[in-house]
Amino acid sequence: MTGRIVATAHWTALDREGSDTCRLSRVGEGWLLVGHARFRDDLGFATLDYVVRLGEGWQTLSADLAGSHEGRGVQARITRENGVWRVNDAAQEGLENATDLDLSFTPATHLMPLRRLFASAGETLDAPAAWLRYPAARLEPLDRSYTRTGLEDVIAYAARQSGLATRLTVDRSGFVAFCPDRWEGEVTCAR
């Protein structure tokens, strides 16, 4: 089920050859991200399709990843139940506080904490994530924070484990429209 499409984003990678297209849909009481990433990294060319299921409050429920990377098949099922994250049924350690999935190869998964920040009155949102550092088939903790800058469409982002600190330009949908040196995109919102 694809639901009612709310927004579609198309990004071009700035740090490598690559692109990503993702749509956000309203499905029942939750949300659905469906994306298609194509990129070249140090290991070769990857074609990855991903589906991320979200609850009403923008928290990750589960995700599926499928495709190929330099001719090898890629398949992962990521679930979160009762605070336990699993990849292909294998429990992942150290992620008890993670409410979001962060797929390292796409800007799409910034959407969840950005939507929660927009819905709150707070200036900063700490958003610990289960970080899939593709191509690894395991999740690691990623301590992220999103802070309002005073500009409506610019959010300061920092992630401790990756060392990334930057400013994200954000569309009203919650999708990132620009991440310096990494991604630039165009977002279309449904009417």
C-alpha atoms as a PDB file:
ATOM      1  CA  MET A   1       0.000   0.000   0.000  1.00  0.00           C
ATOM      2  CA  THR A   2       1.465   3.366  -0.992  1.00  0.00           C
ATOM      3  CA  GLY A   3      -1.122   5.688   0.595  1.00  0.00           C
ATOM      4  CA  ARG A   4      -1.572   9.361  -0.232  1.00  0.00           C
ATOM      5  CA  ILE A   5       1.667  10.961  -1.470  1.00  0.00           C
ATOM      6  CA  VAL A   6       2.549  14.057   0.573  1.00  0.00           C
ATOM      7  CA  ALA A   7       5.924  15.014  -0.942  1.00  0.00           C
ATOM      8  CA  THR A   8       8.576  13.744  -3.335  1.00  0.00           C
ATOM      9  CA  ALA A   9      12.285  14.575  -3.162  1.00  0.00           C
ATOM     10  CA  HIS A  10      15.018  14.080  -5.733  1.00  0.00           C
ATOM     11  CA  TRP A  11      18.621  14.567  -4.611  1.00  0.00           C
ATOM     12  CA  THR A  12      21.923  14.670  -6.441  1.00  0.00           C
ATOM     13  CA  ALA A  13      25.063  13.695  -4.524  1.00  0.00           C
ATOM     14  CA  LEU A  14      27.776  16.365  -4.362  1.00  0.00           C
ATOM     15  CA  ASP A  15      30.552  14.165  -2.957  1.00  0.00           C
ATOM     16  CA  ARG A  16      30.311  11.273  -5.449  1.00  0.00           C
ATOM     17  CA  GLU A  17      28.356  10.058  -8.457  1.00  0.00           C
ATOM     18  CA  GLY A  18      24.837   9.413  -7.266  1.00  0.00           C
ATOM     19  CA  SER A  19      21.189  10.301  -6.955  1.00  0.00           C
ATOM     20  CA  ASP A  20      18.231   9.419  -4.776  1.00  0.00           C
ATOM     21  CA  THR A  21      14.494   9.803  -5.209  1.00  0.00           C
ATOM     22  CA  CYS A  22      12.138   9.389  -2.269  1.00  0.00           C
ATOM     23  CA  ARG A  23       8.444   9.891  -1.663  1.00  0.00           C
ATOM     24  CA  LEU A  24       6.646  10.438   1.611  1.00  0.00           C
ATOM     25  CA  SER A  25       3.138   9.013   1.875  1.00  0.00           C
ATOM     26  CA  ARG A  26       0.472   9.065   4.533  1.00  0.00           C
ATOM     27  CA  VAL A  27      -0.613   5.480   5.215  1.00  0.00           C
ATOM     28  CA  GLY A  28      -3.314   4.764   7.787  1.00  0.00           C
ATOM     29  CA  GLU A  29      -2.138   6.100  11.152  1.00  0.00           C
ATOM     30  CA  GLY A  30       1.488   6.454  10.050  1.00  0.00           C
ATOM     31  CA  TRP A  31       3.860   7.364   7.269  1.00  0.00           C
ATOM     32  CA  LEU A  32       5.870   5.603   4.589  1.00  0.00           C
ATOM     33  CA  LEU A  33       9.168   6.596   2.953  1.00  0.00           C
ATOM     34  CA  VAL A  34       9.868   4.811  -0.333  1.00  0.00           C
ATOM     35  CA  GLY A  35      13.193   5.587  -2.000  1.00  0.00           C
ATOM     36  CA  HIS A  36      15.533   4.593  -4.807  1.00  0.00           C
ATOM     37  CA  ALA A  37      19.251   5.372  -4.340  1.00  0.00           C
ATOM     38  CA  ARG A  38      21.833   4.968  -7.098  1.00  0.00           C
ATOM     39  CA  PHE A  39      25.464   5.764  -6.326  1.00  0.00           C
ATOM     40  CA  ARG A  40      29.110   4.860  -6.797  1.00  0.00           C
ATOM     41  CA  ASP A  41      31.345   4.421  -3.750  1.00  0.00           C
ATOM     42  CA  ASP A  42      34.775   2.871  -3.081  1.00  0.00           C
ATOM     43  CA  LEU A  43      33.326  -0.631  -3.573  1.00  0.00           C
ATOM     44  CA  GLY A  44      31.544   0.058  -6.883  1.00  0.00           C
ATOM     45  CA  PHE A  45      28.080   0.938  -8.136  1.00  0.00           C
ATOM     46  CA  ALA A  46      24.999   0.416  -5.944  1.00  0.00           C
ATOM     47  CA  THR A  47      21.291   0.384  -6.742  1.00  0.00           C
ATOM     48  CA  LEU A  48      19.319   0.309  -3.504  1.00  0.00           C
ATOM     49  CA  ASP A  49      15.598   0.543  -2.914  1.00  0.00           C
ATOM     50  CA  TYR A  50      14.383   1.281   0.596  1.00  0.00           C
ATOM     51  CA  VAL A  51      11.082   1.419   2.444  1.00  0.00           C
ATOM     52  CA  VAL A  52      10.882   2.950   5.920  1.00  0.00           C
ATOM     53  CA  ARG A  53       7.664   2.590   7.945  1.00  0.00           C
ATOM     54  CA  LEU A  54       6.942   5.323  10.485  1.00  0.00           C
ATOM     55  CA  GLY A  55       4.457   5.703  13.294  1.00  0.00           C
ATOM     56  CA  GLU A  56       2.118   8.638  13.813  1.00  0.00           C
ATOM     57  CA  GLY A  57       4.783  10.462  15.883  1.00  0.00           C
ATOM     58  CA  TRP A  58       7.491  10.071  13.202  1.00  0.00           C
ATOM     59  CA  GLN A  59       9.366   7.242  14.954  1.00  0.00           C
ATOM     60  CA  THR A  60      10.794   4.383  12.902  1.00  0.00           C
ATOM     61  CA  LEU A  61       8.866   1.100  13.068  1.00  0.00           C
ATOM     62  CA  SER A  62      10.699  -0.961  10.433  1.00  0.00           C
ATOM     63  CA  ALA A  63      12.558  -0.771   7.125  1.00  0.00           C
ATOM     64  CA  ASP A  64      13.459  -2.923   4.156  1.00  0.00           C
ATOM     65  CA  LEU A  65      16.478  -2.490   1.914  1.00  0.00           C
ATOM     66  CA  ALA A  66      16.995  -4.385  -1.358  1.00  0.00           C
ATOM     67  CA  GLY A  67      19.119  -4.080  -4.469  1.00  0.00           C
ATOM     68  CA  SER A  68      22.633  -4.770  -5.633  1.00  0.00           C
ATOM     69  CA  HIS A  69      26.128  -3.446  -5.046  1.00  0.00           C
ATOM     70  CA  GLU A  70      28.774  -4.189  -7.653  1.00  0.00           C
ATOM     71  CA  GLY A  71      26.834  -7.269  -8.774  1.00  0.00           C
ATOM     72  CA  ARG A  72      26.153  -8.683  -5.293  1.00  0.00           C
ATOM     73  CA  GLY A  73      22.602  -8.882  -3.973  1.00  0.00           C
ATOM     74  CA  VAL A  74      21.697  -6.717  -0.997  1.00  0.00           C
ATOM     75  CA  GLN A  75      18.762  -7.505   1.271  1.00  0.00           C
ATOM     76  CA  ALA A  76      18.079  -6.280   4.807  1.00  0.00           C
ATOM     77  CA  ARG A  77      15.023  -6.232   7.042  1.00  0.00           C
ATOM     78  CA  ILE A  78      15.341  -3.793   9.940  1.00  0.00           C
ATOM     79  CA  THR A  79      12.832  -3.887  12.787  1.00  0.00           C
ATOM     80  CA  ARG A  80      12.351  -2.087  16.072  1.00  0.00           C
ATOM     81  CA  GLU A  81      10.144  -3.677  18.700  1.00  0.00           C
ATOM     82  CA  ASN A  82      10.065  -2.991  22.453  1.00  0.00           C
ATOM     83  CA  GLY A  83      13.270  -0.951  22.142  1.00  0.00           C
ATOM     84  CA  VAL A  84      15.191  -3.762  20.405  1.00  0.00           C
ATOM     85  CA  TRP A  85      16.561  -3.132  16.913  1.00  0.00           C
ATOM     86  CA  ARG A  86      17.205  -6.102  14.625  1.00  0.00           C
ATOM     87  CA  VAL A  87      18.823  -6.547  11.219  1.00  0.00           C
ATOM     88  CA  ASN A  88      17.664  -9.731   9.499  1.00  0.00           C
ATOM     89  CA  ASP A  89      16.466 -11.003  12.914  1.00  0.00           C
ATOM     90  CA  ALA A  90      19.878 -10.412  14.572  1.00  0.00           C
ATOM     91  CA  ALA A  91      19.553  -8.188  17.669  1.00  0.00           C
ATOM     92  CA  GLN A  92      21.721  -5.056  17.570  1.00  0.00           C
ATOM     93  CA  GLU A  93      23.397  -3.888  20.804  1.00  0.00           C
ATOM     94  CA  GLY A  94      23.641  -0.401  22.300  1.00  0.00           C
ATOM     95  CA  LEU A  95      20.583   1.089  20.582  1.00  0.00           C
ATOM     96  CA  GLU A  96      18.100   1.212  23.470  1.00  0.00           C
ATOM     97  CA  ASN A  97      17.653   5.003  23.148  1.00  0.00           C
ATOM     98  CA  ALA A  98      17.428   5.130  19.350  1.00  0.00           C
ATOM     99  CA  THR A  99      14.050   6.203  17.976  1.00  0.00           C
ATOM    100  CA  ASP A 100      15.112   6.707  14.364  1.00  0.00           C
ATOM    101  CA  LEU A 101      16.808   4.774  11.627  1.00  0.00           C
ATOM    102  CA  ASP A 102      19.574   6.686   9.841  1.00  0.00           C
ATOM    103  CA  LEU A 103      20.460   5.215   6.443  1.00  0.00           C
ATOM    104  CA  SER A 104      23.956   6.573   5.752  1.00  0.00           C
ATOM    105  CA  PHE A 105      23.548   6.621   1.967  1.00  0.00           C
ATOM    106  CA  THR A 106      20.492   8.937   1.788  1.00  0.00           C
ATOM    107  CA  PRO A 107      19.353  12.270   3.277  1.00  0.00           C
ATOM    108  CA  ALA A 108      15.780  10.910   3.445  1.00  0.00           C
ATOM    109  CA  THR A 109      16.034   9.690   7.036  1.00  0.00           C
ATOM    110  CA  HIS A 110      16.622  13.214   8.403  1.00  0.00           C
ATOM    111  CA  LEU A 111      12.884  13.651   7.804  1.00  0.00           C
ATOM    112  CA  MET A 112      11.714  11.988  11.024  1.00  0.00           C
ATOM    113  CA  PRO A 113      13.575  14.166  13.569  1.00  0.00           C
ATOM    114  CA  LEU A 114      13.003  17.286  11.466  1.00  0.00           C
ATOM    115  CA  ARG A 115       9.236  16.691  11.496  1.00  0.00           C
ATOM    116  CA  ARG A 116       9.351  16.207  15.281  1.00  0.00           C
ATOM    117  CA  LEU A 117      11.406  19.417  15.686  1.00  0.00           C
ATOM    118  CA  PHE A 118       8.918  21.371  13.552  1.00  0.00           C
ATOM    119  CA  ALA A 119       6.032  20.045  15.666  1.00  0.00           C
ATOM    120  CA  SER A 120       7.682  21.075  18.946  1.00  0.00           C
ATOM    121  CA  ALA A 121       8.210  24.455  20.549  1.00  0.00           C
ATOM    122  CA  GLY A 122      11.792  23.556  21.452  1.00  0.00           C
ATOM    123  CA  GLU A 123      14.940  25.010  19.942  1.00  0.00           C
ATOM    124  CA  THR A 124      16.937  21.748  19.884  1.00  0.00           C
ATOM    125  CA  LEU A 125      15.951  18.144  19.356  1.00  0.00           C
ATOM    126  CA  ASP A 126      18.300  15.338  20.370  1.00  0.00           C
ATOM    127  CA  ALA A 127      17.534  12.399  18.088  1.00  0.00           C
ATOM    128  CA  PRO A 128      19.610   9.276  18.787  1.00  0.00           C
ATOM    129  CA  ALA A 129      19.527   6.945  15.813  1.00  0.00           C
ATOM    130  CA  ALA A 130      20.256   3.386  14.791  1.00  0.00           C
ATOM    131  CA  TRP A 131      22.824   4.126  12.076  1.00  0.00           C
ATOM    132  CA  LEU A 132      23.182   1.760   9.142  1.00  0.00           C
ATOM    133  CA  ARG A 133      26.708   2.559   7.941  1.00  0.00           C
ATOM    134  CA  TYR A 134      26.203   0.988   4.573  1.00  0.00           C
ATOM    135  CA  PRO A 135      27.506  -1.444   3.319  1.00  0.00           C
ATOM    136  CA  ALA A 136      27.771  -2.962   6.813  1.00  0.00           C
ATOM    137  CA  ALA A 137      24.809  -5.151   7.740  1.00  0.00           C
ATOM    138  CA  ARG A 138      24.728  -3.885  11.317  1.00  0.00           C
ATOM    139  CA  LEU A 139      23.434  -0.856  13.186  1.00  0.00           C
ATOM    140  CA  GLU A 140      25.511   1.468  15.344  1.00  0.00           C
ATOM    141  CA  PRO A 141      24.502   4.314  17.668  1.00  0.00           C
ATOM    142  CA  LEU A 142      24.520   7.814  16.169  1.00  0.00           C
ATOM    143  CA  ASP A 143      23.918  10.722  18.546  1.00  0.00           C
ATOM    144  CA  ARG A 144      22.335  13.471  16.455  1.00  0.00           C
ATOM    145  CA  SER A 145      21.021  16.921  17.300  1.00  0.00           C
ATOM    146  CA  TYR A 146      18.937  19.358  15.262  1.00  0.00           C
ATOM    147  CA  THR A 147      18.835  23.031  16.331  1.00  0.00           C
ATOM    148  CA  ARG A 148      16.782  25.936  15.011  1.00  0.00           C
ATOM    149  CA  THR A 149      18.994  28.752  13.679  1.00  0.00           C
ATOM    150  CA  GLY A 150      16.447  31.566  13.578  1.00  0.00           C
ATOM    151  CA  LEU A 151      16.045  31.070   9.829  1.00  0.00           C
ATOM    152  CA  GLU A 152      12.861  29.167   9.085  1.00  0.00           C
ATOM    153  CA  ASP A 153      14.434  26.801   6.533  1.00  0.00           C
ATOM    154  CA  VAL A 154      17.913  26.335   8.054  1.00  0.00           C
ATOM    155  CA  ILE A 155      18.631  23.802  10.810  1.00  0.00           C
ATOM    156  CA  ALA A 156      22.010  23.216  12.477  1.00  0.00           C
ATOM    157  CA  TYR A 157      22.820  19.505  12.492  1.00  0.00           C
ATOM    158  CA  ALA A 158      25.506  17.644  14.429  1.00  0.00           C
ATOM    159  CA  ALA A 159      26.278  13.930  14.708  1.00  0.00           C
ATOM    160  CA  ARG A 160      28.862  12.955  17.295  1.00  0.00           C
ATOM    161  CA  GLN A 161      30.060   9.582  15.973  1.00  0.00           C
ATOM    162  CA  SER A 162      30.403  10.744  12.357  1.00  0.00           C
ATOM    163  CA  GLY A 163      31.921  14.102  13.318  1.00  0.00           C
ATOM    164  CA  LEU A 164      29.557  15.907  10.946  1.00  0.00           C
ATOM    165  CA  ALA A 165      28.409  19.395  11.928  1.00  0.00           C
ATOM    166  CA  THR A 166      26.659  21.441   9.250  1.00  0.00           C
ATOM    167  CA  ARG A 167      23.599  23.479   8.384  1.00  0.00           C
ATOM    168  CA  LEU A 168      20.777  21.814   6.510  1.00  0.00           C
ATOM    169  CA  THR A 169      18.402  23.719   4.257  1.00  0.00           C
ATOM    170  CA  VAL A 170      15.008  22.131   4.831  1.00  0.00           C
ATOM    171  CA  ASP A 171      11.835  22.159   2.757  1.00  0.00           C
ATOM    172  CA  ARG A 172       8.466  22.736   4.476  1.00  0.00           C
ATOM    173  CA  SER A 173       7.772  18.994   3.972  1.00  0.00           C
ATOM    174  CA  GLY A 174      10.653  18.169   6.333  1.00  0.00           C
ATOM    175  CA  PHE A 175      12.891  16.808   3.565  1.00  0.00           C
ATOM    176  CA  VAL A 176      16.436  18.163   3.377  1.00  0.00           C
ATOM    177  CA  ALA A 177      16.838  20.327   0.268  1.00  0.00           C
ATOM    178  CA  PHE A 178      20.562  21.035   0.679  1.00  0.00           C
ATOM    179  CA  CYS A 179      23.413  19.605   2.760  1.00  0.00           C
ATOM    180  CA  PRO A 180      26.750  21.328   1.964  1.00  0.00           C
ATOM    181  CA  ASP A 181      29.275  19.105   0.190  1.00  0.00           C
ATOM    182  CA  ARG A 182      26.894  16.115   0.309  1.00  0.00           C
ATOM    183  CA  TRP A 183      23.468  16.576  -1.276  1.00  0.00           C
ATOM    184  CA  GLU A 184      21.320  19.065  -3.108  1.00  0.00           C
ATOM    185  CA  GLY A 185      17.743  18.404  -4.004  1.00  0.00           C
ATOM    186  CA  GLU A 186      14.392  19.482  -5.189  1.00  0.00           C
ATOM    187  CA  VAL A 187      11.221  18.759  -3.251  1.00  0.00           C
ATOM    188  CA  THR A 188       7.683  18.717  -4.646  1.00  0.00           C
ATOM    189  CA  CYS A 189       4.792  18.847  -2.193  1.00  0.00           C
ATOM    190  CA  ALA A 190       1.381  17.463  -3.112  1.00  0.00           C
ATOM    191  CA  ARG A 191      -1.465  19.906  -3.158  1.00  0.00           C
END
